[in-house]
């Protein structure tokens, strides 16, 4: 009878050891997965911040290009280029010819 009592005592020791082992293993896996998730989240936040900075930079560049286009399309700029590069000038009153719509075919 003492042998059967010893055997019963040994079984729970193995059971408790296995339970403790798998509990620790589960805890370790949980910690690793949590750590991975947090590092991945931090990585995604850094990427998001970089994208926001890039968007701000591109918007600033776009605004600058729009201002440059407005300047280059402006009447004063076109007049200046026409006079300097092409030798054009604003006509005097004597140089103007007024056409009527009736004279057109």
Protein backbone atom coordinates (compact mmCIF):
# COMPACT_ATOMS: atom_id res chain seq x y z
CA UNK A 1 0.00 0.00 0.00
CA UNK A 2 2.84 2.37 0.69
CA UNK A 3 4.06 1.87 -2.87
CA UNK A 4 0.72 2.94 -4.30
CA UNK A 5 0.79 6.06 -2.11
CA UNK A 6 4.28 6.86 -3.37
CA UNK A 7 3.17 6.38 -6.96
CA UNK A 8 0.24 8.70 -6.42
CA UNK A 9 2.55 11.31 -4.96
CA UNK A 10 4.94 11.05 -7.89
CA UNK A 11 2.23 11.55 -10.50
CA UNK A 12 1.12 14.91 -9.13
CA UNK A 13 4.75 16.05 -9.05
CA UNK A 14 5.08 15.38 -12.78
CA UNK A 15 1.71 16.93 -13.40
CA UNK A 16 2.57 20.06 -11.42
CA UNK A 17 5.98 20.26 -13.08
CA UNK A 18 4.41 19.99 -16.53
CA UNK A 19 1.72 22.52 -15.60
CA UNK A 20 4.34 24.93 -14.29
CA UNK A 21 6.50 24.44 -17.38
CA UNK A 22 3.66 25.08 -19.82
CA UNK A 23 2.45 28.05 -17.79
CA UNK A 24 5.93 29.59 -17.93
CA UNK A 25 6.16 28.78 -21.62
CA UNK A 26 2.80 30.44 -22.25
CA UNK A 27 3.86 33.48 -20.27
CA UNK A 28 7.14 33.72 -22.18
CA UNK A 29 5.36 33.44 -25.54
CA UNK A 30 2.86 36.08 -24.45
CA UNK A 31 5.68 38.43 -23.45
CA UNK A 32 7.50 37.90 -26.74
CA UNK A 33 4.36 38.56 -28.77
CA UNK A 34 3.55 41.67 -26.74
CA UNK A 35 7.08 42.96 -27.18
CA UNK A 36 6.92 42.30 -30.93
CA UNK A 37 3.57 44.07 -31.22
CA UNK A 38 4.86 47.11 -29.33
CA UNK A 39 8.02 47.33 -31.43
CA UNK A 40 5.96 47.00 -34.61
CA UNK A 41 3.61 49.74 -33.39
CA UNK A 42 6.56 52.03 -32.65
CA UNK A 43 7.98 51.32 -36.10
CA UNK A 44 4.65 52.14 -37.76
CA UNK A 45 4.36 55.37 -35.76
CA UNK A 46 7.83 56.44 -36.91
CA UNK A 47 6.87 55.69 -40.51
CA UNK A 48 3.62 57.63 -40.08
CA UNK A 49 5.49 60.64 -38.69
CA UNK A 50 7.94 60.53 -41.60
CA UNK A 51 5.08 60.41 -44.10
CA UNK A 52 3.44 63.41 -42.42
CA UNK A 53 6.71 65.35 -42.64
CA UNK A 54 7.03 64.39 -46.32
CA UNK A 55 3.46 65.52 -47.02
CA UNK A 56 4.11 68.86 -45.31
CA UNK A 57 7.28 69.30 -47.35
CA UNK A 58 5.52 68.45 -50.61
CA UNK A 59 2.64 70.80 -49.82
CA UNK A 60 5.10 73.59 -49.10
CA UNK A 61 6.91 72.91 -52.37
CA UNK A 62 3.59 72.84 -54.25
CA UNK A 63 2.61 76.22 -52.78
CA UNK A 64 5.98 77.66 -53.75
CA UNK A 65 5.59 76.36 -57.32
CA UNK A 66 2.08 77.83 -57.55
CA UNK A 67 3.42 81.24 -56.49
CA UNK A 68 6.17 80.95 -59.08
CA UNK A 69 3.64 80.04 -61.79
CA UNK A 70 1.48 83.03 -60.85
CA UNK A 71 4.51 85.30 -61.06
CA UNK A 72 5.61 83.89 -64.42
CA UNK A 73 2.08 84.12 -65.86
CA UNK A 74 1.62 87.68 -64.60
CA UNK A 75 1.06 90.48 -67.08
CA UNK A 76 4.00 92.54 -65.83
CA UNK A 77 6.40 89.60 -66.20
CA UNK A 78 5.16 88.79 -69.72
CA UNK A 79 5.49 92.46 -70.73
CA UNK A 80 9.03 92.58 -69.36
CA UNK A 81 10.11 89.43 -71.21
CA UNK A 82 8.43 90.61 -74.43
CA UNK A 83 10.29 93.92 -74.28
CA UNK A 84 13.68 92.55 -73.24
CA UNK A 85 13.87 89.28 -75.15
CA UNK A 86 11.69 89.90 -78.19
CA UNK A 87 12.14 93.65 -78.62
CA UNK A 88 8.39 94.24 -78.44
CA UNK A 89 6.82 97.39 -77.06
CA UNK A 90 3.39 98.75 -76.24
CA UNK A 91 1.97 100.42 -79.33
CA UNK A 92 1.48 104.15 -79.51
CA UNK A 93 -1.93 105.47 -80.43
CA UNK A 94 -0.72 106.14 -83.98
CA UNK A 95 0.39 102.50 -84.36
CA UNK A 96 -3.01 101.05 -83.50
CA UNK A 97 -5.40 99.93 -86.21
CA UNK A 98 -9.01 99.37 -85.25
CA UNK A 99 -10.85 96.76 -87.28
CA UNK A 100 -14.58 96.47 -87.46
CA UNK A 101 -16.39 93.16 -87.44
CA UNK A 102 -18.23 94.10 -90.64
CA UNK A 103 -15.03 94.09 -92.66
CA UNK A 104 -14.28 90.47 -91.80
CA UNK A 105 -15.30 87.85 -94.41
